[in-house]
Amino acid sequence: MTSANFQELDVVDSELGELVLRRRRTVAAGDEWVYEVKLAGRFLMSSLNTQSERELADRALAKVEGDRLRVLVGGLGLGFTAAAALRDPRVAQVDVVERLPQVVDWHRRGLVPLGTSLCADARCRFVLGDCLQQLQQPGERYDAILIDIDDSPIHLLADDHASFYAVAGLQAARRRLRPGGVFALWTSLPAEPEVAARMQLAFADAAVETVVFDNPLLEEPEANALYFGRA
């Protein structure tokens, strides 16, 4: 489906259902294209407002000291969290772990706005795999782990993600941090007491912060919660 103001750039089958990348022009965005992703008939993300994704990286890295930092980003999406991490001059390595190869392919083909710059940055590496499963196993340790996958630990994109957000799963992720490292979790919902309680059990130092922004799609302010835990 294509018109002057709407284009479907890719429609593919994935292990989680039909995956759609599209773009459209809106009054709110002016002359710029707004990129959107749908999965299994569900609206997943939009480039219309990426403040929370960017603040996930900015706020987490502001809590980390030192340089030559190694960062893991769980979930590639449209690339805004990874790009924000790469803007920090102290960052030496960003591993972006993405479950769906089709999403990585969009970036490599330049179908999304940040694809070319992410692929050209030698510090950025795309890793195919289930990030939440990988973090429950021993492996490389990071100064910051940034998770941007599910709407929240209670509202999951896939049922098999649930074990990661249990206290034991979060504790396993904590062990993948270097000393002084920070685990950061984005959710599309306001702070949830159950999630905050799990974080406090998994991390000795845990906190939740709120990002409020105007969402043109809702025509009202939206609040997202960012959860942080320190090694």
Protein backbone atom coordinates (compact mmCIF):
# COMPACT_ATOMS: atom_id res chain seq x y z
CA MET A 1 0.00 0.00 0.00
CA THR A 2 1.54 3.29 -1.14
CA SER A 3 0.40 6.90 -1.46
CA ALA A 4 2.00 10.31 -1.33
CA ASN A 5 1.70 10.30 2.46
CA PHE A 6 1.84 6.62 3.36
CA GLN A 7 4.18 3.76 2.43
CA GLU A 8 4.57 0.18 3.60
CA LEU A 9 8.32 -0.39 3.42
CA ASP A 10 8.37 -4.06 4.43
CA VAL A 11 5.89 -6.73 5.46
CA VAL A 12 7.43 -10.03 6.58
CA ASP A 13 6.66 -13.05 8.69
CA SER A 14 8.63 -13.36 11.92
CA GLU A 15 8.70 -15.88 14.75
CA LEU A 16 6.45 -13.52 16.74
CA GLY A 17 3.97 -12.86 13.92
CA GLU A 18 3.60 -10.54 10.94
CA LEU A 19 6.08 -7.67 11.14
CA VAL A 20 5.30 -4.41 9.35
CA LEU A 21 7.52 -1.39 8.77
CA ARG A 22 5.70 1.63 7.39
CA ARG A 23 6.06 5.37 7.20
CA ARG A 24 3.61 8.23 6.87
CA ARG A 25 3.45 11.99 6.91
CA THR A 26 1.53 13.67 9.72
CA VAL A 27 0.61 17.22 10.62
CA ALA A 28 2.53 16.82 13.90
CA ALA A 29 5.77 15.89 12.10
CA GLY A 30 5.53 18.45 9.31
CA ASP A 31 7.51 17.39 6.24
CA GLU A 32 9.30 14.53 8.01
CA TRP A 33 8.30 10.90 7.61
CA VAL A 34 7.08 9.14 10.75
CA TYR A 35 8.29 5.52 10.89
CA GLU A 36 6.10 2.93 12.58
CA VAL A 37 6.40 -0.76 13.40
CA LYS A 38 3.56 -3.22 13.94
CA LEU A 39 3.92 -6.80 15.17
CA ALA A 40 1.17 -9.41 14.97
CA GLY A 41 -1.39 -6.67 14.34
CA ARG A 42 -0.26 -4.66 17.37
CA PHE A 43 1.20 -1.16 17.14
CA LEU A 44 4.72 -1.46 18.53
CA MET A 45 6.65 1.79 18.09
CA SER A 46 6.83 5.11 16.29
CA SER A 47 9.52 7.66 15.51
CA LEU A 48 7.08 10.48 16.25
CA ASN A 49 8.36 10.73 19.81
CA THR A 50 11.50 8.94 20.96
CA GLN A 51 12.21 10.84 24.16
CA SER A 52 11.87 7.84 26.48
CA GLU A 53 14.13 5.64 24.36
CA ARG A 54 16.80 8.34 24.29
CA GLU A 55 16.49 9.13 27.98
CA LEU A 56 16.88 5.45 28.81
CA ALA A 57 20.45 5.65 27.52
CA ASP A 58 21.19 9.20 28.65
CA ARG A 59 20.04 8.70 32.24
CA ALA A 60 21.67 5.30 32.63
CA LEU A 61 25.05 6.46 31.33
CA ALA A 62 24.90 9.56 33.52
CA LYS A 63 24.95 7.16 36.50
CA VAL A 64 28.10 5.36 35.28
CA GLU A 65 31.61 6.63 35.95
CA GLY A 66 34.72 6.05 33.88
CA ASP A 67 35.48 5.74 30.20
CA ARG A 68 35.93 3.00 27.59
CA LEU A 69 32.41 1.97 28.58
CA ARG A 70 30.80 -1.18 27.26
CA VAL A 71 27.04 -1.05 26.73
CA LEU A 72 24.46 -3.71 25.90
CA VAL A 73 21.18 -2.63 24.34
CA GLY A 74 18.38 -5.18 24.42
CA GLY A 75 16.07 -4.57 21.48
CA LEU A 76 17.09 -2.68 18.34
CA GLY A 77 13.72 -1.33 17.19
CA LEU A 78 14.21 1.88 15.25
CA GLY A 79 17.64 2.34 16.82
CA PHE A 80 17.10 5.39 19.02
CA THR A 81 18.38 3.87 22.27
CA ALA A 82 21.53 2.56 20.59
CA ALA A 83 22.15 5.90 18.86
CA ALA A 84 21.78 7.77 22.16
CA ALA A 85 24.33 5.48 23.81
CA LEU A 86 26.79 6.04 20.94
CA ARG A 87 26.55 9.81 21.37
CA ASP A 88 28.33 9.49 24.72
CA PRO A 89 32.05 9.95 23.90
CA ARG A 90 33.03 7.63 26.76
CA VAL A 91 31.33 4.65 25.09
CA ALA A 92 33.75 2.27 23.36
CA GLN A 93 31.37 -0.58 22.50
CA VAL A 94 27.63 -1.03 22.02
CA ASP A 95 26.27 -4.54 21.51
CA VAL A 96 22.67 -4.40 20.28
CA VAL A 97 20.96 -7.75 20.79
CA GLU A 98 17.87 -8.21 18.61
CA ARG A 99 15.69 -11.29 18.44
CA LEU A 100 14.20 -10.64 14.99
CA PRO A 101 16.66 -10.72 12.07
CA GLN A 102 14.18 -8.79 9.95
CA VAL A 103 14.67 -5.73 12.19
CA VAL A 104 18.45 -5.91 11.80
CA ASP A 105 17.93 -6.23 8.05
CA TRP A 106 15.95 -2.97 7.96
CA HIS A 107 18.96 -1.15 9.38
CA ARG A 108 21.46 -2.80 7.08
CA ARG A 109 19.29 -1.97 4.07
CA GLY A 110 18.88 1.64 5.17
CA LEU A 111 15.10 1.37 5.40
CA VAL A 112 15.01 3.25 8.73
CA PRO A 113 16.53 6.69 9.35
CA LEU A 114 19.28 5.63 11.79
CA GLY A 115 20.26 2.45 9.99
CA THR A 116 23.11 3.89 7.93
CA SER A 117 24.75 5.71 10.84
CA LEU A 118 24.49 2.76 13.22
CA CYS A 119 25.96 0.38 10.66
CA ALA A 120 28.79 2.81 9.93
CA ASP A 121 29.82 3.23 13.58
CA ALA A 122 32.64 0.80 14.33
CA ARG A 123 31.67 0.78 18.01
CA CYS A 124 28.23 -0.68 17.23
CA ARG A 125 27.66 -4.39 16.78
CA PHE A 126 24.36 -6.11 15.99
CA VAL A 127 23.95 -9.49 17.70
CA LEU A 128 21.11 -11.79 16.68
CA GLY A 129 19.50 -13.61 19.58
CA ASP A 130 17.10 -13.46 22.48
CA CYS A 131 18.65 -10.84 24.73
CA LEU A 132 16.58 -11.77 27.78
CA GLN A 133 17.67 -15.41 27.58
CA GLN A 134 21.29 -14.47 26.97
CA LEU A 135 21.41 -12.23 30.04
CA GLN A 136 20.40 -15.14 32.25
CA GLN A 137 23.60 -16.96 31.26
CA PRO A 138 27.25 -16.19 32.10
CA GLY A 139 28.96 -14.00 29.54
CA GLU A 140 30.58 -10.66 28.82
CA ARG A 141 30.06 -8.00 31.45
CA TYR A 142 28.95 -4.44 30.73
CA ASP A 143 29.01 -1.00 32.29
CA ALA A 144 25.40 -0.45 31.27
CA ILE A 145 22.62 -2.83 30.24
CA LEU A 146 19.69 -1.04 28.57
CA ILE A 147 16.49 -3.04 28.05
CA ASP A 148 13.86 -1.69 25.65
CA ILE A 149 11.78 -4.71 24.65
CA ASP A 150 8.43 -5.22 26.42
CA ASP A 151 5.74 -2.68 27.34
CA SER A 152 6.55 -3.65 30.92
CA PRO A 153 7.49 -6.79 32.89
CA ILE A 154 3.76 -7.30 33.44
CA HIS A 155 2.69 -6.51 29.85
CA LEU A 156 4.90 -8.72 27.71
CA LEU A 157 5.59 -8.84 24.00
CA ALA A 158 6.08 -12.63 24.29
CA ASP A 159 5.11 -14.99 27.13
CA ASP A 160 8.59 -16.56 27.24
CA HIS A 161 10.01 -13.24 28.46
CA ALA A 162 8.38 -13.63 31.88
CA SER A 163 11.23 -15.52 33.56
CA PHE A 164 13.68 -12.70 32.88
CA TYR A 165 11.61 -10.21 34.86
CA ALA A 166 11.30 -12.48 37.88
CA VAL A 167 13.66 -11.61 40.72
CA ALA A 168 15.99 -14.48 39.82
CA GLY A 169 16.16 -13.34 36.19
CA LEU A 170 16.95 -9.77 37.18
CA GLN A 171 19.62 -11.02 39.57
CA ALA A 172 21.20 -12.96 36.71
CA ALA A 173 21.26 -9.77 34.64
CA ARG A 174 22.89 -7.95 37.57
CA ARG A 175 25.75 -10.46 37.44
CA ARG A 176 26.43 -9.37 33.85
CA LEU A 177 27.34 -5.87 35.07
CA ARG A 178 30.86 -4.68 35.78
CA PRO A 179 31.47 -3.11 39.21
CA GLY A 180 29.53 0.14 39.40
CA GLY A 181 27.52 -0.79 36.32
CA VAL A 182 23.86 0.14 35.81
CA PHE A 183 20.91 -1.94 34.61
CA ALA A 184 18.17 0.19 33.05
CA LEU A 185 14.69 -0.91 31.97
CA TRP A 186 12.28 1.12 29.83
CA THR A 187 8.52 0.61 30.10
CA SER A 188 5.75 2.33 28.17
CA LEU A 189 3.59 2.61 31.28
CA PRO A 190 3.72 4.67 34.47
CA ALA A 191 5.64 3.19 37.39
CA GLU A 192 4.21 -0.13 38.58
CA PRO A 193 4.68 -1.02 42.28
CA GLU A 194 5.15 -4.73 41.50
CA VAL A 195 7.99 -3.99 39.08
CA ALA A 196 9.64 -1.58 41.53
CA ALA A 197 9.46 -4.24 44.24
CA ARG A 198 11.16 -6.83 42.02
CA MET A 199 13.92 -4.38 41.20
CA GLN A 200 14.52 -3.64 44.88
CA LEU A 201 14.85 -7.35 45.61
CA ALA A 202 17.24 -7.92 42.70
CA PHE A 203 19.47 -4.86 43.18
CA ALA A 204 20.82 -3.37 46.37
CA ASP A 205 20.45 0.09 44.81
CA ALA A 206 17.26 0.46 42.75
CA ALA A 207 15.18 3.44 41.67
CA VAL A 208 12.42 4.39 39.27
CA GLU A 209 12.20 7.63 37.29
CA THR A 210 9.39 9.01 35.15
CA VAL A 211 9.60 10.55 31.69
CA VAL A 212 6.60 12.71 30.77
CA PHE A 213 6.13 13.93 27.22
CA ASP A 214 3.40 15.12 24.88
CA ASN A 215 2.19 12.25 22.73
CA PRO A 216 0.59 13.60 19.53
CA LEU A 217 -1.01 10.20 18.93
CA LEU A 218 -2.92 10.47 22.22
CA GLU A 219 -3.27 14.29 22.19
CA GLU A 220 -2.33 14.33 25.88
CA PRO A 221 0.79 13.86 28.04
CA GLU A 222 2.11 10.33 28.42
CA ALA A 223 4.22 8.99 31.29
CA ASN A 224 6.78 6.23 30.85
CA ALA A 225 8.74 4.64 33.70
CA LEU A 226 12.48 3.96 33.66
CA TYR A 227 13.78 1.51 36.28
CA PHE A 228 17.43 1.51 37.33
CA GLY A 229 19.50 -0.94 39.35
CA ARG A 230 23.18 -0.73 40.21
CA ALA A 231 25.62 -3.61 40.52
